[in-house]
Amino acid sequence: MTDQNAAPAGIDTSVAHSARMYDYWLGGSSNFEADRELGKAFETAIPSIRTMARENRRFLGRAIRQMAGEGGIRQFLDIGTGVPAAGDTHSVTEIVAPDSRVVCVDNDPIVQAHAKALMEKSPEGRTVYVQADLRKPGELLAHPGVAGHLDFERPVGLLLVAVLMLLKDQDRPWATVAALLDAMPPGSQVAITHPTQDFNPEAMSEVVEAAARGQMTLVPRTRAQVSEFFGDWELLEPGVVPVMGWRPEEPPADPRAAYYWGGVARKKG
């Protein structure tokens, strides 16, 4: 079966998509030639890119466990969720907080196709997948799958893991995140990871150029710029740090080996 024949109707597989590239790096099968070619171009610039994808997934798990454990949160909004796979929000909450309600948002139709199959196997309705655009936070929050599944009178765990780099500065990413944070009730927590040029400017520059050739937006940002996304929320220890250094199970040999900043913050009140 060719990639094109394997693609659900209406999905353009000739242009790479970040969700499917992550699936490729994580060893999945929900990716196509354009995704693999751009993924390989990224690997040429940063040979450890697959490790970085896995470290982002591990951070997601640690952040969810923090939110569900110390934070007592039982509902999660994961924006830029990617293709359903082991270690994602659905599977982690199923283990650490099985009574949680989860909304997973992505703008790639193939995520919805795989989510439909997943929901057929798990019909209890605990997890909902929504196709929406991060750049339109008002529409995203008003989507029936979001507004109808989450109770915004109770704390929410907002997950923005490896997604904000897809917004250009012209897209007003800080205003977009601020709109999402404003909609969250007190006691909510937000987890953010973001690629950066701070650790290896030359390699990140090559990746940005490869992304542009593949018609994909990729904007790395500095620690100060990433910290700004958290607004006036209270950063949990250890603050905005290399993603591998945020509450790891074991101290990494080199926390800067994955070129991402990460952090979790709580809304006061």
Protein backbone atom coordinates (compact mmCIF):
# COMPACT_ATOMS: atom_id res chain seq x y z
CA MET A 1 0.00 0.00 0.00
CA THR A 2 1.43 3.40 -0.97
CA ASP A 3 1.42 6.34 1.41
CA GLN A 4 -1.17 8.16 -0.67
CA ASN A 5 -3.50 5.16 -0.72
CA ALA A 6 -3.03 4.74 3.02
CA ALA A 7 -4.00 8.34 3.78
CA PRO A 8 -7.55 9.08 4.90
CA ALA A 9 -9.56 11.06 2.37
CA GLY A 10 -8.93 14.80 2.33
CA ILE A 11 -5.44 14.70 3.86
CA ASP A 12 -2.61 16.30 1.88
CA THR A 13 0.38 14.04 2.39
CA SER A 14 2.63 16.01 0.03
CA VAL A 15 3.44 18.57 2.75
CA ALA A 16 5.07 17.53 6.03
CA HIS A 17 3.16 18.04 9.27
CA SER A 18 4.75 18.36 12.71
CA ALA A 19 2.42 15.78 14.32
CA ARG A 20 3.36 13.16 11.74
CA MET A 21 7.07 14.03 11.95
CA TYR A 22 6.96 13.41 15.70
CA ASP A 23 5.23 10.14 14.99
CA TYR A 24 8.12 9.23 12.65
CA TRP A 25 10.78 10.16 15.23
CA LEU A 26 8.95 8.15 17.90
CA GLY A 27 8.89 5.07 15.67
CA GLY A 28 5.22 5.23 14.67
CA SER A 29 3.63 4.36 11.34
CA SER A 30 1.22 7.29 10.92
CA ASN A 31 3.57 9.30 8.71
CA PHE A 32 4.18 9.79 5.00
CA GLU A 33 7.07 10.39 2.64
CA ALA A 34 7.08 14.18 3.06
CA ASP A 35 7.10 13.78 6.86
CA ARG A 36 9.97 11.30 6.74
CA GLU A 37 12.03 13.37 4.31
CA LEU A 38 11.77 16.52 6.42
CA GLY A 39 12.31 14.45 9.56
CA LYS A 40 15.54 13.11 8.07
CA ALA A 41 16.63 16.65 7.16
CA PHE A 42 16.17 17.64 10.79
CA GLU A 43 18.20 14.61 11.84
CA THR A 44 21.05 15.69 9.57
CA ALA A 45 21.29 18.98 11.47
CA ILE A 46 20.57 17.46 14.88
CA PRO A 47 21.37 13.72 14.96
CA SER A 48 19.80 13.43 18.42
CA ILE A 49 16.40 14.76 17.29
CA ARG A 50 14.69 11.42 18.01
CA THR A 51 16.01 11.54 21.57
CA MET A 52 14.65 15.07 21.88
CA ALA A 53 11.20 13.90 20.76
CA ARG A 54 11.28 11.17 23.39
CA GLU A 55 12.41 13.65 26.06
CA ASN A 56 9.44 15.88 25.25
CA ARG A 57 7.16 12.87 25.64
CA ARG A 58 8.79 12.02 28.99
CA PHE A 59 8.36 15.62 30.17
CA LEU A 60 4.67 15.39 29.25
CA GLY A 61 4.32 12.35 31.48
CA ARG A 62 6.11 14.00 34.40
CA ALA A 63 4.02 17.16 34.04
CA ILE A 64 0.76 15.21 34.01
CA ARG A 65 1.79 13.22 37.08
CA GLN A 66 2.60 16.50 38.87
CA MET A 67 -0.73 18.03 37.88
CA ALA A 68 -2.74 14.96 38.85
CA GLY A 69 -0.75 14.27 42.01
CA GLU A 70 0.26 17.43 43.86
CA GLY A 71 -2.16 19.56 41.85
CA GLY A 72 -5.16 17.23 42.21
CA ILE A 73 -6.22 18.08 38.66
CA ARG A 74 -8.68 15.75 36.93
CA GLN A 75 -9.23 17.42 33.58
CA PHE A 76 -6.68 18.15 30.87
CA LEU A 77 -6.56 20.20 27.67
CA ASP A 78 -3.71 19.05 25.42
CA ILE A 79 -3.20 21.38 22.44
CA GLY A 80 -0.98 20.06 19.65
CA THR A 81 -1.46 16.54 20.97
CA GLY A 82 -0.15 14.69 17.90
CA VAL A 83 -0.93 11.17 16.74
CA PRO A 84 -2.20 8.90 19.57
CA ALA A 85 0.69 6.80 20.88
CA ALA A 86 2.17 5.29 24.03
CA GLY A 87 3.09 7.94 26.59
CA ASP A 88 0.57 10.50 25.34
CA THR A 89 -1.90 12.36 27.55
CA HIS A 90 -4.66 9.78 27.14
CA SER A 91 -2.45 6.84 28.11
CA VAL A 92 -0.71 8.62 31.02
CA THR A 93 -3.93 9.84 32.62
CA GLU A 94 -5.39 6.36 32.17
CA ILE A 95 -2.67 5.15 34.56
CA VAL A 96 -2.21 8.00 37.03
CA ALA A 97 -5.73 9.48 37.13
CA PRO A 98 -8.21 7.22 35.34
CA ASP A 99 -11.16 9.37 36.42
CA SER A 100 -9.83 12.35 34.45
CA ARG A 101 -11.54 14.01 31.51
CA VAL A 102 -9.20 14.77 28.60
CA VAL A 103 -9.52 16.92 25.49
CA CYS A 104 -6.82 16.46 22.85
CA VAL A 105 -6.59 19.15 20.17
CA ASP A 106 -4.70 19.06 16.87
CA ASN A 107 -5.16 20.64 13.45
CA ASP A 108 -4.02 17.55 11.49
CA PRO A 109 -6.99 15.51 10.17
CA ILE A 110 -4.98 12.29 10.44
CA VAL A 111 -4.93 12.72 14.22
CA GLN A 112 -8.72 12.66 14.13
CA ALA A 113 -8.73 9.55 11.96
CA HIS A 114 -6.55 7.67 14.45
CA ALA A 115 -8.47 9.10 17.40
CA LYS A 116 -11.72 7.72 15.97
CA ALA A 117 -10.22 4.25 15.91
CA LEU A 118 -8.94 4.71 19.47
CA MET A 119 -12.32 5.87 20.74
CA GLU A 120 -14.03 2.86 19.17
CA LYS A 121 -11.79 0.70 21.37
CA SER A 122 -12.35 2.94 24.41
CA PRO A 123 -16.00 3.96 24.26
CA GLU A 124 -16.37 5.33 27.77
CA GLY A 125 -16.04 8.91 26.48
CA ARG A 126 -13.35 9.97 28.93
CA THR A 127 -11.12 11.36 26.16
CA VAL A 128 -12.29 13.59 23.29
CA TYR A 129 -10.28 14.58 20.22
CA VAL A 130 -10.96 17.95 18.61
CA GLN A 131 -9.69 19.40 15.34
CA ALA A 132 -9.01 23.10 15.94
CA ASP A 133 -6.41 25.81 15.36
CA LEU A 134 -4.25 27.09 18.20
CA ARG A 135 -4.05 30.45 16.43
CA LYS A 136 -7.76 30.95 17.13
CA PRO A 137 -7.98 30.42 20.90
CA GLY A 138 -11.49 31.81 21.21
CA GLU A 139 -12.87 29.37 18.66
CA LEU A 140 -10.85 26.54 20.17
CA LEU A 141 -12.20 27.11 23.69
CA ALA A 142 -15.77 27.52 22.40
CA HIS A 143 -15.64 24.28 20.40
CA PRO A 144 -18.37 21.93 21.69
CA GLY A 145 -15.77 19.22 22.19
CA VAL A 146 -13.85 21.50 24.55
CA ALA A 147 -16.55 23.57 26.24
CA GLY A 148 -18.88 20.58 26.49
CA HIS A 149 -16.32 18.17 27.93
CA LEU A 150 -14.40 20.33 30.43
CA ASP A 151 -15.76 22.21 33.43
CA PHE A 152 -14.03 25.58 33.51
CA GLU A 153 -15.22 26.14 37.04
CA ARG A 154 -12.63 23.57 38.16
CA PRO A 155 -8.82 23.53 37.62
CA VAL A 156 -7.57 22.42 34.22
CA GLY A 157 -4.18 21.04 33.22
CA LEU A 158 -3.24 22.91 30.04
CA LEU A 159 -0.54 21.21 27.96
CA LEU A 160 1.38 23.14 25.29
CA VAL A 161 4.21 20.71 24.63
CA ALA A 162 6.36 21.30 21.52
CA VAL A 163 3.67 23.29 19.71
CA LEU A 164 4.26 27.03 20.20
CA MET A 165 7.26 26.99 17.84
CA LEU A 166 4.76 26.52 15.00
CA LEU A 167 3.47 30.07 15.56
CA LYS A 168 5.31 32.95 13.92
CA ASP A 169 5.76 36.14 15.89
CA GLN A 170 3.21 37.70 13.50
CA ASP A 171 0.69 35.15 14.82
CA ARG A 172 0.98 36.87 18.23
CA PRO A 173 1.82 33.68 20.14
CA TRP A 174 2.12 35.41 23.52
CA ALA A 175 -1.35 36.94 23.13
CA THR A 176 -2.68 33.54 22.04
CA VAL A 177 -1.30 31.82 25.13
CA ALA A 178 -2.48 34.68 27.34
CA ALA A 179 -6.03 34.18 26.03
CA LEU A 180 -5.85 30.49 26.94
CA LEU A 181 -4.43 31.22 30.40
CA ASP A 182 -7.09 33.86 31.08
CA ALA A 183 -9.79 31.26 30.41
CA MET A 184 -8.37 28.83 32.97
CA PRO A 185 -9.80 28.89 36.53
CA PRO A 186 -7.61 29.38 39.62
CA GLY A 187 -5.65 26.27 40.57
CA SER A 188 -5.07 25.37 36.93
CA GLN A 189 -1.59 24.48 35.74
CA VAL A 190 0.13 24.92 32.38
CA ALA A 191 3.06 22.91 31.00
CA ILE A 192 5.13 24.33 28.13
CA THR A 193 8.13 23.09 26.19
CA HIS A 194 9.71 25.05 23.37
CA PRO A 195 12.76 24.49 21.12
CA THR A 196 15.56 27.00 21.56
CA GLN A 197 18.66 28.26 19.82
CA ASP A 198 20.27 28.89 23.21
CA PHE A 199 22.08 25.54 23.38
CA ASN A 200 23.28 25.11 19.77
CA PRO A 201 22.59 28.13 17.55
CA GLU A 202 24.21 26.67 14.43
CA ALA A 203 22.28 23.38 14.50
CA MET A 204 18.99 25.12 15.24
CA SER A 205 19.59 27.53 12.36
CA GLU A 206 20.00 24.56 10.01
CA VAL A 207 16.76 23.04 11.27
CA VAL A 208 14.87 26.30 10.74
CA GLU A 209 16.17 26.46 7.16
CA ALA A 210 15.16 22.82 6.55
CA ALA A 211 11.69 23.53 7.92
CA ALA A 212 11.30 26.52 5.58
CA ARG A 213 12.25 24.36 2.60
CA GLY A 214 9.59 21.89 3.71
CA GLN A 215 6.95 24.65 3.98
CA MET A 216 6.83 24.37 7.76
CA THR A 217 7.07 27.16 10.32
CA LEU A 218 9.61 26.59 13.08
CA VAL A 219 10.51 29.45 15.41
CA PRO A 220 13.03 28.67 18.17
CA ARG A 221 12.93 31.06 21.12
CA THR A 222 15.19 32.11 23.97
CA ARG A 223 14.66 31.29 27.63
CA ALA A 224 13.40 34.82 28.28
CA GLN A 225 10.86 34.53 25.46
CA VAL A 226 9.67 31.12 26.65
CA SER A 227 9.38 32.39 30.24
CA GLU A 228 7.12 35.17 28.98
CA PHE A 229 4.50 32.62 27.91
CA PHE A 230 3.79 31.80 31.57
CA GLY A 231 2.62 35.35 32.26
CA ASP A 232 2.04 36.05 35.94
CA TRP A 233 1.38 32.41 36.85
CA GLU A 234 3.49 30.94 39.64
CA LEU A 235 6.32 28.83 38.23
CA LEU A 236 6.78 25.52 40.00
CA GLU A 237 10.28 24.41 40.94
CA PRO A 238 12.73 24.24 39.25
CA GLY A 239 11.31 26.97 36.96
CA VAL A 240 12.04 27.26 33.24
CA VAL A 241 14.88 24.81 32.68
CA PRO A 242 16.19 22.46 29.97
CA VAL A 243 13.37 19.99 29.41
CA MET A 244 15.51 17.05 30.54
CA GLY A 245 16.19 18.85 33.82
CA TRP A 246 12.55 19.36 34.84
CA ARG A 247 12.04 16.92 37.74
CA PRO A 248 13.73 13.95 36.03
CA GLU A 249 13.46 10.46 37.50
CA GLU A 250 17.27 10.36 37.38
CA PRO A 251 19.61 13.34 36.86
CA PRO A 252 20.62 13.44 33.15
CA ALA A 253 24.30 13.45 32.25
CA ASP A 254 23.72 16.59 30.17
CA PRO A 255 20.32 18.27 30.60
CA ARG A 256 21.08 20.56 27.64
CA ALA A 257 21.31 17.60 25.25
CA ALA A 258 17.70 18.23 24.20
CA TYR A 259 17.37 21.73 22.78
CA TYR A 260 14.14 22.65 24.57
CA TRP A 261 13.16 24.83 27.50
CA GLY A 262 10.37 23.49 29.69
CA GLY A 263 8.38 24.46 32.72
CA VAL A 264 5.11 24.17 34.63
CA ALA A 265 3.23 27.00 36.31
CA ARG A 266 0.12 27.35 38.47
CA LYS A 267 -2.61 29.98 38.39
CA LYS A 268 -2.93 31.54 41.82
CA GLY A 269 -6.16 31.87 43.71
